[in-house]
Each structure stands twice: as structure tokens, then as C-alpha cells.
Amino acid sequence: MEELLESLIKMVGRANQKVDCLQVRVRQLERFIRENHLEVRERSPFQMYS
């Protein structure tokens, strides 16, 4: 029983670590999209309405 509990705790820890890594990647992607969108709007000869 103790081994099963230890195994479960390790699995949950790895899952949490993967979620944390995924959240970091999502934030990076969101920042990239915002910055890229701003650059496109600044360079565009046409006014973009959102």
C-alpha cells in the first residue's frame, strides 16, 4: 500500500510539473501573439479596426 501511495504522489508531481510547463508555454505564446499583432498594426499602411 505504501509503495502505491508513493507512486501516486510521484505521478501527481510529474503531472503538476507538466501543467506548469504548459502554462509557461501558453503565456509565452500569448505574449508573442500580442507583440506580433502590435508590430503588424504599427507597420500596416491601413488602419485596422478590431
PDB file of N, CA and C in Angstrom:
ATOM      1  N   MET A   1       0.827  -1.193   0.000  1.00  0.00           N
ATOM      2  CA  MET A   1       0.000   0.000   0.000  1.00  0.00           C
ATOM      3  C   MET A   1       0.871   1.256   0.000  1.00  0.00           C
ATOM      4  N   GLU A   2       1.936   1.230   0.791  1.00  0.00           N
ATOM      5  CA  GLU A   2       2.837   2.383   0.879  1.00  0.00           C
ATOM      6  C   GLU A   2       3.501   2.672  -0.470  1.00  0.00           C
ATOM      7  N   GLU A   3       3.884   1.620  -1.173  1.00  0.00           N
ATOM      8  CA  GLU A   3       4.502   1.794  -2.496  1.00  0.00           C
ATOM      9  C   GLU A   3       3.511   2.394  -3.491  1.00  0.00           C
ATOM     10  N   LEU A   4       2.265   1.967  -3.425  1.00  0.00           N
ATOM     11  CA  LEU A   4       1.248   2.529  -4.309  1.00  0.00           C
ATOM     12  C   LEU A   4       1.039   4.012  -4.029  1.00  0.00           C
ATOM     13  N   LEU A   5       1.028   4.392  -2.769  1.00  0.00           N
ATOM     14  CA  LEU A   5       0.854   5.794  -2.400  1.00  0.00           C
ATOM     15  C   LEU A   5       2.042   6.630  -2.881  1.00  0.00           C
ATOM     16  N   GLU A   6       3.245   6.121  -2.701  1.00  0.00           N
ATOM     17  CA  GLU A   6       4.433   6.834  -3.180  1.00  0.00           C
ATOM     18  C   GLU A   6       4.392   7.002  -4.694  1.00  0.00           C
ATOM     19  N   SER A   7       3.991   5.959  -5.377  1.00  0.00           N
ATOM     20  CA  SER A   7       3.893   6.014  -6.832  1.00  0.00           C
ATOM     21  C   SER A   7       2.865   7.049  -7.267  1.00  0.00           C
ATOM     22  N   LEU A   8       1.728   7.088  -6.585  1.00  0.00           N
ATOM     23  CA  LEU A   8       0.684   8.061  -6.902  1.00  0.00           C
ATOM     24  C   LEU A   8       1.179   9.489  -6.669  1.00  0.00           C
ATOM     25  N   ILE A   9       1.883   9.712  -5.579  1.00  0.00           N
ATOM     26  CA  ILE A   9       2.420  11.041  -5.276  1.00  0.00           C
ATOM     27  C   ILE A   9       3.410  11.472  -6.356  1.00  0.00           C
ATOM     28  N   LYS A  10       4.247  10.568  -6.812  1.00  0.00           N
ATOM     29  CA  LYS A  10       5.202  10.884  -7.880  1.00  0.00           C
ATOM     30  C   LYS A  10       4.471  11.209  -9.177  1.00  0.00           C
ATOM     31  N   MET A  11       3.430  10.451  -9.482  1.00  0.00           N
ATOM     32  CA  MET A  11       2.665  10.687 -10.711  1.00  0.00           C
ATOM     33  C   MET A  11       1.998  12.063 -10.671  1.00  0.00           C
ATOM     34  N   VAL A  12       1.418  12.408  -9.541  1.00  0.00           N
ATOM     35  CA  VAL A  12       0.763  13.711  -9.398  1.00  0.00           C
ATOM     36  C   VAL A  12       1.799  14.822  -9.511  1.00  0.00           C
ATOM     37  N   GLY A  13       2.954  14.628  -8.925  1.00  0.00           N
ATOM     38  CA  GLY A  13       4.019  15.628  -9.011  1.00  0.00           C
ATOM     39  C   GLY A  13       4.462  15.850 -10.445  1.00  0.00           C
ATOM     40  N   ARG A  14       4.624  14.766 -11.198  1.00  0.00           N
ATOM     41  CA  ARG A  14       5.019  14.896 -12.611  1.00  0.00           C
ATOM     42  C   ARG A  14       3.921  15.575 -13.414  1.00  0.00           C
ATOM     43  N   ALA A  15       2.680  15.249 -13.124  1.00  0.00           N
ATOM     44  CA  ALA A  15       1.560  15.874 -13.835  1.00  0.00           C
ATOM     45  C   ALA A  15       1.524  17.372 -13.542  1.00  0.00           C
ATOM     46  N   ASN A  16       1.724  17.753 -12.297  1.00  0.00           N
ATOM     47  CA  ASN A  16       1.742  19.179 -11.935  1.00  0.00           C
ATOM     48  C   ASN A  16       2.889  19.904 -12.627  1.00  0.00           C
ATOM     49  N   GLN A  17       4.022  19.261 -12.720  1.00  0.00           N
ATOM     50  CA  GLN A  17       5.182  19.864 -13.381  1.00  0.00           C
ATOM     51  C   GLN A  17       4.886  20.074 -14.868  1.00  0.00           C
ATOM     52  N   LYS A  18       4.237  19.109 -15.500  1.00  0.00           N
ATOM     53  CA  LYS A  18       3.882  19.245 -16.916  1.00  0.00           C
ATOM     54  C   LYS A  18       2.876  20.374 -17.117  1.00  0.00           C
ATOM     55  N   VAL A  19       1.926  20.502 -16.203  1.00  0.00           N
ATOM     56  CA  VAL A  19       0.937  21.587 -16.300  1.00  0.00           C
ATOM     57  C   VAL A  19       1.646  22.929 -16.144  1.00  0.00           C
ATOM     58  N   ASP A  20       2.579  23.024 -15.213  1.00  0.00           N
ATOM     59  CA  ASP A  20       3.326  24.268 -15.027  1.00  0.00           C
ATOM     60  C   ASP A  20       4.100  24.625 -16.293  1.00  0.00           C
ATOM     61  N   CYS A  21       4.747  23.649 -16.907  1.00  0.00           N
ATOM     62  CA  CYS A  21       5.495  23.891 -18.140  1.00  0.00           C
ATOM     63  C   CYS A  21       4.554  24.328 -19.257  1.00  0.00           C
ATOM     64  N   LEU A  22       3.404  23.709 -19.324  1.00  0.00           N
ATOM     65  CA  LEU A  22       2.425  24.068 -20.349  1.00  0.00           C
ATOM     66  C   LEU A  22       1.929  25.495 -20.142  1.00  0.00           C
ATOM     67  N   GLN A  23       1.692  25.884 -18.904  1.00  0.00           N
ATOM     68  CA  GLN A  23       1.237  27.240 -18.613  1.00  0.00           C
ATOM     69  C   GLN A  23       2.292  28.266 -19.019  1.00  0.00           C
ATOM     70  N   VAL A  24       3.555  27.956 -18.783  1.00  0.00           N
ATOM     71  CA  VAL A  24       4.634  28.856 -19.187  1.00  0.00           C
ATOM     72  C   VAL A  24       4.637  29.013 -20.704  1.00  0.00           C
ATOM     73  N   ARG A  25       4.511  27.910 -21.425  1.00  0.00           N
ATOM     74  CA  ARG A  25       4.494  27.969 -22.893  1.00  0.00           C
ATOM     75  C   ARG A  25       3.297  28.751 -23.410  1.00  0.00           C
ATOM     76  N   VAL A  26       2.143  28.582 -22.787  1.00  0.00           N
ATOM     77  CA  VAL A  26       0.940  29.315 -23.207  1.00  0.00           C
ATOM     78  C   VAL A  26       1.151  30.806 -23.000  1.00  0.00           C
ATOM     79  N   ARG A  27       1.728  31.205 -21.847  1.00  0.00           N
ATOM     80  CA  ARG A  27       1.990  32.624 -21.601  1.00  0.00           C
ATOM     81  C   ARG A  27       2.975  33.188 -22.621  1.00  0.00           C
ATOM     82  N   GLN A  28       4.003  32.403 -22.964  1.00  0.00           N
ATOM     83  CA  GLN A  28       4.963  32.850 -23.973  1.00  0.00           C
ATOM     84  C   GLN A  28       4.282  33.047 -25.316  1.00  0.00           C
ATOM     85  N   LEU A  29       3.429  32.128 -25.690  1.00  0.00           N
ATOM     86  CA  LEU A  29       2.710  32.222 -26.956  1.00  0.00           C
ATOM     87  C   LEU A  29       1.773  33.423 -26.966  1.00  0.00           C
ATOM     88  N   GLU A  30       1.061  33.649 -25.873  1.00  0.00           N
ATOM     89  CA  GLU A  30       0.167  34.803 -25.787  1.00  0.00           C
ATOM     90  C   GLU A  30       0.946  36.106 -25.927  1.00  0.00           C
ATOM     91  N   ARG A  31       2.104  36.197 -25.261  1.00  0.00           N
ATOM     92  CA  ARG A  31       2.929  37.394 -25.345  1.00  0.00           C
ATOM     93  C   ARG A  31       3.429  37.602 -26.771  1.00  0.00           C
ATOM     94  N   PHE A  32       3.860  36.534 -27.416  1.00  0.00           N
ATOM     95  CA  PHE A  32       4.329  36.614 -28.802  1.00  0.00           C
ATOM     96  C   PHE A  32       3.220  37.116 -29.724  1.00  0.00           C
ATOM     97  N   ILE A  33       2.018  36.585 -29.547  1.00  0.00           N
ATOM     98  CA  ILE A  33       0.886  36.983 -30.389  1.00  0.00           C
ATOM     99  C   ILE A  33       0.568  38.464 -30.180  1.00  0.00           C
ATOM    100  N   ARG A  34       0.539  38.905 -28.915  1.00  0.00           N
ATOM    101  CA  ARG A  34       0.253  40.323 -28.650  1.00  0.00           C
ATOM    102  C   ARG A  34       1.310  41.220 -29.274  1.00  0.00           C
ATOM    103  N   GLU A  35       2.599  40.882 -29.078  1.00  0.00           N
ATOM    104  CA  GLU A  35       3.677  41.699 -29.619  1.00  0.00           C
ATOM    105  C   GLU A  35       3.655  41.696 -31.140  1.00  0.00           C
ATOM    106  N   ASN A  36       3.424  40.546 -31.731  1.00  0.00           N
ATOM    107  CA  ASN A  36       3.381  40.441 -33.183  1.00  0.00           C
ATOM    108  C   ASN A  36       2.201  41.238 -33.740  1.00  0.00           C
ATOM    109  N   HIS A  37       1.065  41.179 -33.082  1.00  0.00           N
ATOM    110  CA  HIS A  37      -0.120  41.916 -33.520  1.00  0.00           C
ATOM    111  C   HIS A  37       0.156  43.424 -33.478  1.00  0.00           C
ATOM    112  N   LEU A  38       0.818  43.883 -32.418  1.00  0.00           N
ATOM    113  CA  LEU A  38       1.144  45.305 -32.308  1.00  0.00           C
ATOM    114  C   LEU A  38       2.099  45.742 -33.418  1.00  0.00           C
ATOM    115  N   GLU A  39       3.096  44.908 -33.707  1.00  0.00           N
ATOM    116  CA  GLU A  39       4.045  45.236 -34.767  1.00  0.00           C
ATOM    117  C   GLU A  39       3.348  45.321 -36.119  1.00  0.00           C
ATOM    118  N   VAL A  40       2.462  44.417 -36.388  1.00  0.00           N
ATOM    119  CA  VAL A  40       1.735  44.413 -37.663  1.00  0.00           C
ATOM    120  C   VAL A  40       0.883  45.674 -37.764  1.00  0.00           C
ATOM    121  N   ARG A  41       0.213  46.037 -36.694  1.00  0.00           N
ATOM    122  CA  ARG A  41      -0.632  47.238 -36.709  1.00  0.00           C
ATOM    123  C   ARG A  41       0.203  48.494 -36.924  1.00  0.00           C
ATOM    124  N   GLU A  42       1.401  48.547 -36.314  1.00  0.00           N
ATOM    125  CA  GLU A  42       2.255  49.723 -36.452  1.00  0.00           C
ATOM    126  C   GLU A  42       2.801  49.857 -37.873  1.00  0.00           C
ATOM    127  N   ARG A  43       3.076  48.753 -38.544  1.00  0.00           N
ATOM    128  CA  ARG A  43       3.656  48.781 -39.863  1.00  0.00           C
ATOM    129  C   ARG A  43       2.615  48.859 -40.980  1.00  0.00           C
ATOM    130  N   SER A  44       1.407  48.551 -40.656  1.00  0.00           N
ATOM    131  CA  SER A  44       0.368  48.495 -41.673  1.00  0.00           C
ATOM    132  C   SER A  44       0.018  49.897 -42.171  1.00  0.00           C
ATOM    133  N   PRO A  45      -0.063  50.075 -43.496  1.00  0.00           N
ATOM    134  CA  PRO A  45      -0.443  51.385 -44.028  1.00  0.00           C
ATOM    135  C   PRO A  45      -1.940  51.648 -43.868  1.00  0.00           C
ATOM    136  N   PHE A  46      -2.691  50.631 -43.553  1.00  0.00           N
ATOM    137  CA  PHE A  46      -4.135  50.768 -43.380  1.00  0.00           C
ATOM    138  C   PHE A  46      -4.475  50.702 -41.890  1.00  0.00           C
ATOM    139  N   GLN A  47      -5.445  51.459 -41.508  1.00  0.00           N
ATOM    140  CA  GLN A  47      -5.905  51.409 -40.121  1.00  0.00           C
ATOM    141  C   GLN A  47      -6.700  50.139 -39.911  1.00  0.00           C
ATOM    142  N   MET A  48      -6.310  49.358 -38.919  1.00  0.00           N
ATOM    143  CA  MET A  48      -7.019  48.104 -38.635  1.00  0.00           C
ATOM    144  C   MET A  48      -8.009  48.360 -37.509  1.00  0.00           C
ATOM    145  N   TYR A  49      -9.238  47.983 -37.727  1.00  0.00           N
ATOM    146  CA  TYR A  49     -10.267  48.138 -36.706  1.00  0.00           C
ATOM    147  C   TYR A  49     -10.616  46.770 -36.154  1.00  0.00           C
ATOM    148  N   SER A  50     -10.563  46.682 -34.818  1.00  0.00           N
ATOM    149  CA  SER A  50     -10.877  45.400 -34.172  1.00  0.00           C
ATOM    150  C   SER A  50     -12.136  45.524 -33.364  1.00  0.00           C
TER     151      SER A  50
END
